[in-house]
PDB file of N, CA and C in Angstrom:
ATOM      1  N   MET A   1      10.752  -3.315 -18.720  1.00  0.00           N
ATOM      2  CA  MET A   1      10.259  -2.112 -18.110  1.00  0.00           C
ATOM      3  C   MET A   1       8.960  -1.715 -18.810  1.00  0.00           C
ATOM      4  N   SER A   2       7.962  -1.344 -18.013  1.00  0.00           N
ATOM      5  CA  SER A   2       6.673  -0.984 -18.591  1.00  0.00           C
ATOM      6  C   SER A   2       6.738   0.382 -19.262  1.00  0.00           C
ATOM      7  N   GLU A   3       5.756   0.653 -20.112  1.00  0.00           N
ATOM      8  CA  GLU A   3       5.684   1.956 -20.777  1.00  0.00           C
ATOM      9  C   GLU A   3       5.529   3.071 -19.744  1.00  0.00           C
ATOM     10  N   PHE A   4       4.731   2.808 -18.705  1.00  0.00           N
ATOM     11  CA  PHE A   4       4.549   3.785 -17.629  1.00  0.00           C
ATOM     12  C   PHE A   4       5.893   4.121 -16.985  1.00  0.00           C
ATOM     13  N   ASP A   5       6.682   3.106 -16.666  1.00  0.00           N
ATOM     14  CA  ASP A   5       7.995   3.317 -16.055  1.00  0.00           C
ATOM     15  C   ASP A   5       8.898   4.144 -16.970  1.00  0.00           C
ATOM     16  N   SER A   6       8.921   3.798 -18.245  1.00  0.00           N
ATOM     17  CA  SER A   6       9.761   4.525 -19.195  1.00  0.00           C
ATOM     18  C   SER A   6       9.367   5.992 -19.278  1.00  0.00           C
ATOM     19  N   ARG A   7       8.069   6.251 -19.365  1.00  0.00           N
ATOM     20  CA  ARG A   7       7.603   7.640 -19.439  1.00  0.00           C
ATOM     21  C   ARG A   7       7.927   8.401 -18.166  1.00  0.00           C
ATOM     22  N   LEU A   8       7.759   7.762 -17.018  1.00  0.00           N
ATOM     23  CA  LEU A   8       8.050   8.407 -15.745  1.00  0.00           C
ATOM     24  C   LEU A   8       9.540   8.729 -15.634  1.00  0.00           C
ATOM     25  N   ILE A   9      10.388   7.778 -15.967  1.00  0.00           N
ATOM     26  CA  ILE A   9      11.836   7.981 -15.900  1.00  0.00           C
ATOM     27  C   ILE A   9      12.274   9.076 -16.873  1.00  0.00           C
ATOM     28  N   ASN A  10      11.706   9.078 -18.079  1.00  0.00           N
ATOM     29  CA  ASN A  10      12.044  10.124 -19.047  1.00  0.00           C
ATOM     30  C   ASN A  10      11.620  11.499 -18.548  1.00  0.00           C
ATOM     31  N   ALA A  11      10.445  11.593 -17.960  1.00  0.00           N
ATOM     32  CA  ALA A  11       9.968  12.881 -17.444  1.00  0.00           C
ATOM     33  C   ALA A  11      10.866  13.379 -16.314  1.00  0.00           C
ATOM     34  N   ILE A  12      11.264  12.490 -15.434  1.00  0.00           N
ATOM     35  CA  ILE A  12      12.149  12.872 -14.321  1.00  0.00           C
ATOM     36  C   ILE A  12      13.511  13.297 -14.866  1.00  0.00           C
ATOM     37  N   SER A  13      14.035  12.551 -15.836  1.00  0.00           N
ATOM     38  CA  SER A  13      15.331  12.901 -16.435  1.00  0.00           C
ATOM     39  C   SER A  13      15.278  14.292 -17.055  1.00  0.00           C
ATOM     40  N   LYS A  14      14.207  14.571 -17.795  1.00  0.00           N
ATOM     41  CA  LYS A  14      14.060  15.890 -18.417  1.00  0.00           C
ATOM     42  C   LYS A  14      13.993  16.979 -17.355  1.00  0.00           C
ATOM     43  N   ALA A  15      13.260  16.729 -16.288  1.00  0.00           N
ATOM     44  CA  ALA A  15      13.149  17.721 -15.216  1.00  0.00           C
ATOM     45  C   ALA A  15      14.502  17.974 -14.562  1.00  0.00           C
ATOM     46  N   LEU A  16      15.289  16.927 -14.387  1.00  0.00           N
ATOM     47  CA  LEU A  16      16.626  17.091 -13.812  1.00  0.00           C
ATOM     48  C   LEU A  16      17.511  17.942 -14.729  1.00  0.00           C
ATOM     49  N   PHE A  17      17.453  17.683 -16.037  1.00  0.00           N
ATOM     50  CA  PHE A  17      18.252  18.461 -16.977  1.00  0.00           C
ATOM     51  C   PHE A  17      17.815  19.924 -17.011  1.00  0.00           C
ATOM     52  N   VAL A  18      16.512  20.174 -16.948  1.00  0.00           N
ATOM     53  CA  VAL A  18      16.006  21.549 -16.910  1.00  0.00           C
ATOM     54  C   VAL A  18      16.509  22.250 -15.654  1.00  0.00           C
ATOM     55  N   SER A  19      16.436  21.567 -14.523  1.00  0.00           N
ATOM     56  CA  SER A  19      16.932  22.147 -13.274  1.00  0.00           C
ATOM     57  C   SER A  19      18.429  22.445 -13.347  1.00  0.00           C
ATOM     58  N   GLU A  20      19.171  21.557 -14.000  1.00  0.00           N
ATOM     59  CA  GLU A  20      20.608  21.789 -14.133  1.00  0.00           C
ATOM     60  C   GLU A  20      20.892  23.010 -15.015  1.00  0.00           C
ATOM     61  N   LYS A  21      20.150  23.144 -16.115  1.00  0.00           N
ATOM     62  CA  LYS A  21      20.337  24.296 -17.003  1.00  0.00           C
ATOM     63  C   LYS A  21      20.020  25.607 -16.299  1.00  0.00           C
ATOM     64  N   LYS A  22      19.077  25.573 -15.350  1.00  0.00           N
ATOM     65  CA  LYS A  22      18.720  26.771 -14.591  1.00  0.00           C
ATOM     66  C   LYS A  22      19.658  26.989 -13.409  1.00  0.00           C
ATOM     67  N   SER A  23      20.629  26.120 -13.269  1.00  0.00           N
ATOM     68  CA  SER A  23      21.603  26.156 -12.165  1.00  0.00           C
ATOM     69  C   SER A  23      20.957  25.897 -10.805  1.00  0.00           C
ATOM     70  N   ASP A  24      19.832  25.190 -10.794  1.00  0.00           N
ATOM     71  CA  ASP A  24      19.193  24.807  -9.539  1.00  0.00           C
ATOM     72  C   ASP A  24      19.895  23.621  -8.893  1.00  0.00           C
ATOM     73  N   LEU A  25      20.554  22.809  -9.718  1.00  0.00           N
ATOM     74  CA  LEU A  25      21.301  21.666  -9.205  1.00  0.00           C
ATOM     75  C   LEU A  25      22.416  21.322 -10.177  1.00  0.00           C
ATOM     76  N   VAL A  26      23.329  20.520  -9.721  1.00  0.00           N
ATOM     77  CA  VAL A  26      24.432  20.063 -10.556  1.00  0.00           C
ATOM     78  C   VAL A  26      24.360  18.546 -10.625  1.00  0.00           C
ATOM     79  N   ILE A  27      24.284  18.025 -11.827  1.00  0.00           N
ATOM     80  CA  ILE A  27      24.252  16.578 -12.019  1.00  0.00           C
ATOM     81  C   ILE A  27      25.686  16.093 -12.090  1.00  0.00           C
ATOM     82  N   THR A  28      26.036  15.177 -11.202  1.00  0.00           N
ATOM     83  CA  THR A  28      27.419  14.708 -11.135  1.00  0.00           C
ATOM     84  C   THR A  28      27.572  13.261 -11.586  1.00  0.00           C
ATOM     85  N   THR A  29      26.634  12.798 -12.377  1.00  0.00           N
ATOM     86  CA  THR A  29      26.715  11.439 -12.899  1.00  0.00           C
ATOM     87  C   THR A  29      26.546  11.482 -14.408  1.00  0.00           C
ATOM     88  N   ALA A  30      27.170  10.545 -15.077  1.00  0.00           N
ATOM     89  CA  ALA A  30      27.045  10.476 -16.530  1.00  0.00           C
ATOM     90  C   ALA A  30      25.730   9.828 -16.948  1.00  0.00           C
ATOM     91  N   VAL A  31      25.116   9.073 -16.040  1.00  0.00           N
ATOM     92  CA  VAL A  31      23.896   8.334 -16.371  1.00  0.00           C
ATOM     93  C   VAL A  31      22.744   8.846 -15.498  1.00  0.00           C
ATOM     94  N   VAL A  32      22.071   9.865 -15.993  1.00  0.00           N
ATOM     95  CA  VAL A  32      20.974  10.476 -15.246  1.00  0.00           C
ATOM     96  C   VAL A  32      19.822   9.492 -15.056  1.00  0.00           C
ATOM     97  N   GLU A  33      19.652   8.554 -15.987  1.00  0.00           N
ATOM     98  CA  GLU A  33      18.558   7.601 -15.894  1.00  0.00           C
ATOM     99  C   GLU A  33      18.618   6.777 -14.610  1.00  0.00           C
ATOM    100  N   ASP A  34      19.828   6.492 -14.115  1.00  0.00           N
ATOM    101  CA  ASP A  34      19.946   5.744 -12.863  1.00  0.00           C
ATOM    102  C   ASP A  34      19.353   6.536 -11.703  1.00  0.00           C
ATOM    103  N   VAL A  35      19.634   7.834 -11.672  1.00  0.00           N
ATOM    104  CA  VAL A  35      19.061   8.700 -10.637  1.00  0.00           C
ATOM    105  C   VAL A  35      17.549   8.783 -10.829  1.00  0.00           C
ATOM    106  N   ALA A  36      17.122   8.941 -12.083  1.00  0.00           N
ATOM    107  CA  ALA A  36      15.695   9.051 -12.382  1.00  0.00           C
ATOM    108  C   ALA A  36      14.949   7.773 -11.998  1.00  0.00           C
ATOM    109  N   LYS A  37      15.561   6.608 -12.230  1.00  0.00           N
ATOM    110  CA  LYS A  37      14.928   5.335 -11.849  1.00  0.00           C
ATOM    111  C   LYS A  37      14.720   5.267 -10.344  1.00  0.00           C
ATOM    112  N   ASN A  38      15.702   5.698  -9.581  1.00  0.00           N
ATOM    113  CA  ASN A  38      15.586   5.686  -8.129  1.00  0.00           C
ATOM    114  C   ASN A  38      14.456   6.613  -7.679  1.00  0.00           C
ATOM    115  N   ILE A  39      14.404   7.804  -8.236  1.00  0.00           N
ATOM    116  CA  ILE A  39      13.327   8.743  -7.904  1.00  0.00           C
ATOM    117  C   ILE A  39      11.979   8.146  -8.308  1.00  0.00           C
ATOM    118  N   ALA A  40      11.923   7.547  -9.495  1.00  0.00           N
ATOM    119  CA  ALA A  40      10.671   6.955  -9.993  1.00  0.00           C
ATOM    120  C   ALA A  40      10.162   5.862  -9.058  1.00  0.00           C
ATOM    121  N   GLU A  41      11.051   5.030  -8.544  1.00  0.00           N
ATOM    122  CA  GLU A  41      10.633   3.962  -7.627  1.00  0.00           C
ATOM    123  C   GLU A  41       9.980   4.547  -6.371  1.00  0.00           C
ATOM    124  N   HIS A  42      10.546   5.631  -5.862  1.00  0.00           N
ATOM    125  CA  HIS A  42       9.964   6.272  -4.680  1.00  0.00           C
ATOM    126  C   HIS A  42       8.620   6.915  -5.010  1.00  0.00           C
ATOM    127  N   ILE A  43       8.522   7.522  -6.173  1.00  0.00           N
ATOM    128  CA  ILE A  43       7.263   8.139  -6.588  1.00  0.00           C
ATOM    129  C   ILE A  43       6.179   7.081  -6.746  1.00  0.00           C
ATOM    130  N   LYS A  44       6.523   5.953  -7.384  1.00  0.00           N
ATOM    131  CA  LYS A  44       5.521   4.903  -7.607  1.00  0.00           C
ATOM    132  C   LYS A  44       4.971   4.359  -6.292  1.00  0.00           C
ATOM    133  N   LYS A  45       5.807   4.318  -5.278  1.00  0.00           N
ATOM    134  CA  LYS A  45       5.342   3.823  -3.981  1.00  0.00           C
ATOM    135  C   LYS A  45       4.359   4.785  -3.339  1.00  0.00           C
ATOM    136  N   GLU A  46       4.404   6.046  -3.732  1.00  0.00           N
ATOM    137  CA  GLU A  46       3.557   7.058  -3.120  1.00  0.00           C
ATOM    138  C   GLU A  46       2.448   7.578  -4.028  1.00  0.00           C
ATOM    139  N   TYR A  47       2.482   7.240  -5.317  1.00  0.00           N
ATOM    140  CA  TYR A  47       1.556   7.889  -6.241  1.00  0.00           C
ATOM    141  C   TYR A  47       0.097   7.568  -5.962  1.00  0.00           C
ATOM    142  N   ALA A  48      -0.169   6.531  -5.248  1.00  0.00           N
ATOM    143  CA  ALA A  48      -1.549   6.215  -4.867  1.00  0.00           C
ATOM    144  C   ALA A  48      -1.842   6.812  -3.497  1.00  0.00           C
ATOM    145  N   GLY A  49      -1.188   7.926  -3.188  1.00  0.00           N
ATOM    146  CA  GLY A  49      -1.396   8.571  -1.897  1.00  0.00           C
ATOM    147  C   GLY A  49      -0.765   7.797  -0.761  1.00  0.00           C
ATOM    148  N   GLY A  50       0.150   6.893  -1.094  1.00  0.00           N
ATOM    149  CA  GLY A  50       0.766   6.075  -0.061  1.00  0.00           C
ATOM    150  C   GLY A  50      -0.173   5.008   0.471  1.00  0.00           C
ATOM    151  N   THR A  51      -1.357   4.915  -0.138  1.00  0.00           N
ATOM    152  CA  THR A  51      -2.368   3.983   0.337  1.00  0.00           C
ATOM    153  C   THR A  51      -2.097   2.562  -0.124  1.00  0.00           C
ATOM    154  N   LEU A  52      -1.744   2.409  -1.388  1.00  0.00           N
ATOM    155  CA  LEU A  52      -1.512   1.082  -1.958  1.00  0.00           C
ATOM    156  C   LEU A  52      -0.114   0.994  -2.547  1.00  0.00           C
ATOM    157  N   SER A  53       0.530  -0.115  -2.306  1.00  0.00           N
ATOM    158  CA  SER A  53       1.825  -0.363  -2.927  1.00  0.00           C
ATOM    159  C   SER A  53       1.594  -0.865  -4.352  1.00  0.00           C
ATOM    160  N   PRO A  54       2.610  -0.829  -5.210  1.00  0.00           N
ATOM    161  CA  PRO A  54       2.456  -1.400  -6.547  1.00  0.00           C
ATOM    162  C   PRO A  54       2.010  -2.869  -6.501  1.00  0.00           C
ATOM    163  N   GLU A  55       2.507  -3.614  -5.520  1.00  0.00           N
ATOM    164  CA  GLU A  55       2.106  -5.023  -5.401  1.00  0.00           C
ATOM    165  C   GLU A  55       0.613  -5.144  -5.073  1.00  0.00           C
ATOM    166  N   GLU A  56       0.112  -4.267  -4.218  1.00  0.00           N
ATOM    167  CA  GLU A  56      -1.310  -4.303  -3.861  1.00  0.00           C
ATOM    168  C   GLU A  56      -2.172  -3.887  -5.048  1.00  0.00           C
ATOM    169  N   ILE A  57      -1.728  -2.905  -5.805  1.00  0.00           N
ATOM    170  CA  ILE A  57      -2.466  -2.493  -7.001  1.00  0.00           C
ATOM    171  C   ILE A  57      -2.530  -3.650  -7.991  1.00  0.00           C
ATOM    172  N   PHE A  58      -1.415  -4.352  -8.165  1.00  0.00           N
ATOM    173  CA  PHE A  58      -1.395  -5.513  -9.051  1.00  0.00           C
ATOM    174  C   PHE A  58      -2.381  -6.568  -8.563  1.00  0.00           C
ATOM    175  N   GLY A  59      -2.435  -6.789  -7.245  1.00  0.00           N
ATOM    176  CA  GLY A  59      -3.378  -7.758  -6.671  1.00  0.00           C
ATOM    177  C   GLY A  59      -4.824  -7.364  -6.909  1.00  0.00           C
ATOM    178  N   VAL A  60      -5.138  -6.092  -6.761  1.00  0.00           N
ATOM    179  CA  VAL A  60      -6.507  -5.608  -7.014  1.00  0.00           C
ATOM    180  C   VAL A  60      -6.860  -5.816  -8.484  1.00  0.00           C
ATOM    181  N   ALA A  61      -5.926  -5.542  -9.369  1.00  0.00           N
ATOM    182  CA  ALA A  61      -6.167  -5.758 -10.800  1.00  0.00           C
ATOM    183  C   ALA A  61      -6.477  -7.228 -11.082  1.00  0.00           C
ATOM    184  N   ALA A  62      -5.724  -8.122 -10.474  1.00  0.00           N
ATOM    185  CA  ALA A  62      -5.963  -9.557 -10.660  1.00  0.00           C
ATOM    186  C   ALA A  62      -7.328  -9.958 -10.103  1.00  0.00           C
ATOM    187  N   LEU A  63      -7.685  -9.410  -8.957  1.00  0.00           N
ATOM    188  CA  LEU A  63      -8.988  -9.700  -8.353  1.00  0.00           C
ATOM    189  C   LEU A  63     -10.124  -9.249  -9.266  1.00  0.00           C
ATOM    190  N   ILE A  64      -9.991  -8.054  -9.832  1.00  0.00           N
ATOM    191  CA  ILE A  64     -11.018  -7.553 -10.746  1.00  0.00           C
ATOM    192  C   ILE A  64     -11.163  -8.481 -11.933  1.00  0.00           C
ATOM    193  N   ARG A  65     -10.040  -8.878 -12.526  1.00  0.00           N
ATOM    194  CA  ARG A  65     -10.099  -9.772 -13.686  1.00  0.00           C
ATOM    195  C   ARG A  65     -10.811 -11.076 -13.360  1.00  0.00           C
ATOM    196  N   HIS A  66     -10.486 -11.675 -12.205  1.00  0.00           N
ATOM    197  CA  HIS A  66     -11.137 -12.932 -11.821  1.00  0.00           C
ATOM    198  C   HIS A  66     -12.617 -12.720 -11.537  1.00  0.00           C
ATOM    199  N   ALA A  67     -12.966 -11.607 -10.944  1.00  0.00           N
ATOM    200  CA  ALA A  67     -14.373 -11.338 -10.613  1.00  0.00           C
ATOM    201  C   ALA A  67     -15.217 -11.193 -11.877  1.00  0.00           C
ATOM    202  N   VAL A  68     -14.733 -10.472 -12.873  1.00  0.00           N
ATOM    203  CA  VAL A  68     -15.541 -10.281 -14.079  1.00  0.00           C
ATOM    204  C   VAL A  68     -15.602 -11.528 -14.937  1.00  0.00           C
ATOM    205  N   GLU A  69     -14.628 -12.408 -14.799  1.00  0.00           N
ATOM    206  CA  GLU A  69     -14.659 -13.657 -15.553  1.00  0.00           C
ATOM    207  C   GLU A  69     -15.628 -14.666 -14.947  1.00  0.00           C
ATOM    208  N   ASN A  70     -15.961 -14.501 -13.665  1.00  0.00           N
ATOM    209  CA  ASN A  70     -16.895 -15.405 -12.976  1.00  0.00           C
ATOM    210  C   ASN A  70     -18.308 -14.877 -13.158  1.00  0.00           C
ATOM    211  N   LYS A  71     -19.063 -15.467 -14.084  1.00  0.00           N
ATOM    212  CA  LYS A  71     -20.409 -14.987 -14.410  1.00  0.00           C
ATOM    213  C   LYS A  71     -21.396 -15.195 -13.259  1.00  0.00           C
ATOM    214  N   GLU A  72     -21.099 -16.097 -12.336  1.00  0.00           N
ATOM    215  CA  GLU A  72     -21.964 -16.246 -11.168  1.00  0.00           C
ATOM    216  C   GLU A  72     -21.786 -15.072 -10.207  1.00  0.00           C
ATOM    217  N   PHE A  73     -20.588 -14.532 -10.146  1.00  0.00           N
ATOM    218  CA  PHE A  73     -20.326 -13.388  -9.276  1.00  0.00           C
ATOM    219  C   PHE A  73     -20.684 -12.083  -9.975  1.00  0.00           C
ATOM    220  N   PHE A  74     -20.124 -11.881 -11.169  1.00  0.00           N
ATOM    221  CA  PHE A  74     -20.350 -10.626 -11.887  1.00  0.00           C
ATOM    222  C   PHE A  74     -21.534 -10.838 -12.833  1.00  0.00           C
ATOM    223  N   ASP A  75     -22.740 -10.651 -12.314  1.00  0.00           N
ATOM    224  CA  ASP A  75     -23.955 -10.903 -13.092  1.00  0.00           C
ATOM    225  C   ASP A  75     -24.473  -9.603 -13.716  1.00  0.00           C
ATOM    226  N   TRP A  76     -25.668  -9.669 -14.280  1.00  0.00           N
ATOM    227  CA  TRP A  76     -26.274  -8.551 -14.996  1.00  0.00           C
ATOM    228  C   TRP A  76     -26.482  -7.317 -14.115  1.00  0.00           C
ATOM    229  N   GLU A  77     -26.518  -7.501 -12.804  1.00  0.00           N
ATOM    230  CA  GLU A  77     -26.802  -6.415 -11.877  1.00  0.00           C
ATOM    231  C   GLU A  77     -25.553  -5.600 -11.495  1.00  0.00           C
ATOM    232  N   MET A  78     -24.381  -6.144 -11.736  1.00  0.00           N
ATOM    233  CA  MET A  78     -23.142  -5.499 -11.300  1.00  0.00           C
ATOM    234  C   MET A  78     -22.922  -4.101 -11.880  1.00  0.00           C
ATOM    235  N   PRO A  79     -23.212  -3.840 -13.157  1.00  0.00           N
ATOM    236  CA  PRO A  79     -23.018  -2.474 -13.649  1.00  0.00           C
ATOM    237  C   PRO A  79     -23.831  -1.440 -12.857  1.00  0.00           C
ATOM    238  N   THR A  80     -25.021  -1.831 -12.412  1.00  0.00           N
ATOM    239  CA  THR A  80     -25.834  -0.928 -11.599  1.00  0.00           C
ATOM    240  C   THR A  80     -25.213  -0.759 -10.213  1.00  0.00           C
ATOM    241  N   LEU A  81     -24.707  -1.835  -9.643  1.00  0.00           N
ATOM    242  CA  LEU A  81     -24.120  -1.783  -8.309  1.00  0.00           C
ATOM    243  C   LEU A  81     -22.752  -1.100  -8.285  1.00  0.00           C
ATOM    244  N   CYS A  82     -21.954  -1.339  -9.334  1.00  0.00           N
ATOM    245  CA  CYS A  82     -20.560  -0.866  -9.335  1.00  0.00           C
ATOM    246  C   CYS A  82     -20.298   0.305 -10.278  1.00  0.00           C
ATOM    247  N   GLY A  83     -21.174   0.506 -11.232  1.00  0.00           N
ATOM    248  CA  GLY A  83     -20.999   1.618 -12.155  1.00  0.00           C
ATOM    249  C   GLY A  83     -20.258   1.303 -13.434  1.00  0.00           C
ATOM    250  N   TYR A  84     -19.780   0.075 -13.582  1.00  0.00           N
ATOM    251  CA  TYR A  84     -19.035  -0.301 -14.784  1.00  0.00           C
ATOM    252  C   TYR A  84     -19.461  -1.677 -15.262  1.00  0.00           C
ATOM    253  N   THR A  85     -19.400  -1.868 -16.583  1.00  0.00           N
ATOM    254  CA  THR A  85     -19.684  -3.180 -17.158  1.00  0.00           C
ATOM    255  C   THR A  85     -18.460  -4.073 -16.978  1.00  0.00           C
ATOM    256  N   ALA A  86     -18.632  -5.358 -17.275  1.00  0.00           N
ATOM    257  CA  ALA A  86     -17.503  -6.290 -17.181  1.00  0.00           C
ATOM    258  C   ALA A  86     -16.386  -5.870 -18.129  1.00  0.00           C
ATOM    259  N   ASP A  87     -16.721  -5.476 -19.347  1.00  0.00           N
ATOM    260  CA  ASP A  87     -15.702  -5.044 -20.308  1.00  0.00           C
ATOM    261  C   ASP A  87     -14.959  -3.811 -19.804  1.00  0.00           C
ATOM    262  N   GLU A  88     -15.677  -2.883 -19.201  1.00  0.00           N
ATOM    263  CA  GLU A  88     -15.031  -1.683 -18.651  1.00  0.00           C
ATOM    264  C   GLU A  88     -14.099  -2.051 -17.490  1.00  0.00           C
ATOM    265  N   PHE A  89     -14.529  -3.005 -16.653  1.00  0.00           N
ATOM    266  CA  PHE A  89     -13.678  -3.439 -15.556  1.00  0.00           C
ATOM    267  C   PHE A  89     -12.421  -4.141 -16.062  1.00  0.00           C
ATOM    268  N   VAL A  90     -12.532  -4.883 -17.147  1.00  0.00           N
ATOM    269  CA  VAL A  90     -11.346  -5.525 -17.736  1.00  0.00           C
ATOM    270  C   VAL A  90     -10.342  -4.450 -18.145  1.00  0.00           C
ATOM    271  N   LYS A  91     -10.818  -3.378 -18.754  1.00  0.00           N
ATOM    272  CA  LYS A  91      -9.928  -2.281 -19.165  1.00  0.00           C
ATOM    273  C   LYS A  91      -9.318  -1.584 -17.948  1.00  0.00           C
ATOM    274  N   ILE A  92     -10.106  -1.388 -16.910  1.00  0.00           N
ATOM    275  CA  ILE A  92      -9.597  -0.779 -15.675  1.00  0.00           C
ATOM    276  C   ILE A  92      -8.519  -1.670 -15.063  1.00  0.00           C
ATOM    277  N   ALA A  93      -8.783  -2.964 -15.008  1.00  0.00           N
ATOM    278  CA  ALA A  93      -7.812  -3.908 -14.439  1.00  0.00           C
ATOM    279  C   ALA A  93      -6.513  -3.879 -15.229  1.00  0.00           C
ATOM    280  N   GLU A  94      -6.622  -3.808 -16.544  1.00  0.00           N
ATOM    281  CA  GLU A  94      -5.426  -3.776 -17.378  1.00  0.00           C
ATOM    282  C   GLU A  94      -4.629  -2.495 -17.126  1.00  0.00           C
ATOM    283  N   ARG A  95      -5.318  -1.363 -16.998  1.00  0.00           N
ATOM    284  CA  ARG A  95      -4.622  -0.108 -16.706  1.00  0.00           C
ATOM    285  C   ARG A  95      -3.961  -0.151 -15.339  1.00  0.00           C
ATOM    286  N   LEU A  96      -4.631  -0.738 -14.362  1.00  0.00           N
ATOM    287  CA  LEU A  96      -4.026  -0.877 -13.040  1.00  0.00           C
ATOM    288  C   LEU A  96      -2.767  -1.730 -13.105  1.00  0.00           C
ATOM    289  N   ARG A  97      -2.867  -2.857 -13.812  1.00  0.00           N
ATOM    290  CA  ARG A  97      -1.715  -3.757 -13.946  1.00  0.00           C
ATOM    291  C   ARG A  97      -0.560  -3.042 -14.630  1.00  0.00           C
ATOM    292  N   LYS A  98      -0.844  -2.274 -15.670  1.00  0.00           N
ATOM    293  CA  LYS A  98       0.209  -1.558 -16.398  1.00  0.00           C
ATOM    294  C   LYS A  98       0.817  -0.440 -15.561  1.00  0.00           C
ATOM    295  N   SER A  99       0.066   0.036 -14.562  1.00  0.00           N
ATOM    296  CA  SER A  99       0.583   1.138 -13.748  1.00  0.00           C
ATOM    297  C   SER A  99       1.650   0.678 -12.767  1.00  0.00           C
ATOM    298  N   THR A 100       1.831  -0.632 -12.666  1.00  0.00           N
ATOM    299  CA  THR A 100       2.881  -1.177 -11.802  1.00  0.00           C
ATOM    300  C   THR A 100       3.932  -1.815 -12.682  1.00  0.00           C
ATOM    301  N   SER A 101       5.088  -2.015 -12.159  1.00  0.00           N
ATOM    302  CA  SER A 101       6.148  -2.637 -12.957  1.00  0.00           C
ATOM    303  C   SER A 101       6.324  -4.098 -12.595  1.00  0.00           C
ATOM    304  N   ILE A 102       5.268  -4.701 -12.062  1.00  0.00           N
ATOM    305  CA  ILE A 102       5.333  -6.098 -11.626  1.00  0.00           C
ATOM    306  C   ILE A 102       5.020  -7.019 -12.791  1.00  0.00           C
TER     307      ILE A 102
END
């Protein structure tokens, strides 16, 4: 499980416990993390505005990595055209990849 997934599940679990303490809901399971994981999966599918699935985000990250590694494609002019250097794009690609649990 990725760090992003763990943090998301923990945040959802905490929110569920807070809601239970306020009597907004009653938790009827001994393992809240299972409920939180299910909620997290639905959130991850929508967190990009429903525009991209986690699989598509992973694909874009892979495409970015391959593009910056190809010096014929990602030349000296790309930072002006795209706004980021190759090193910055590598970091962006890594963050995108980490944002999915693939």
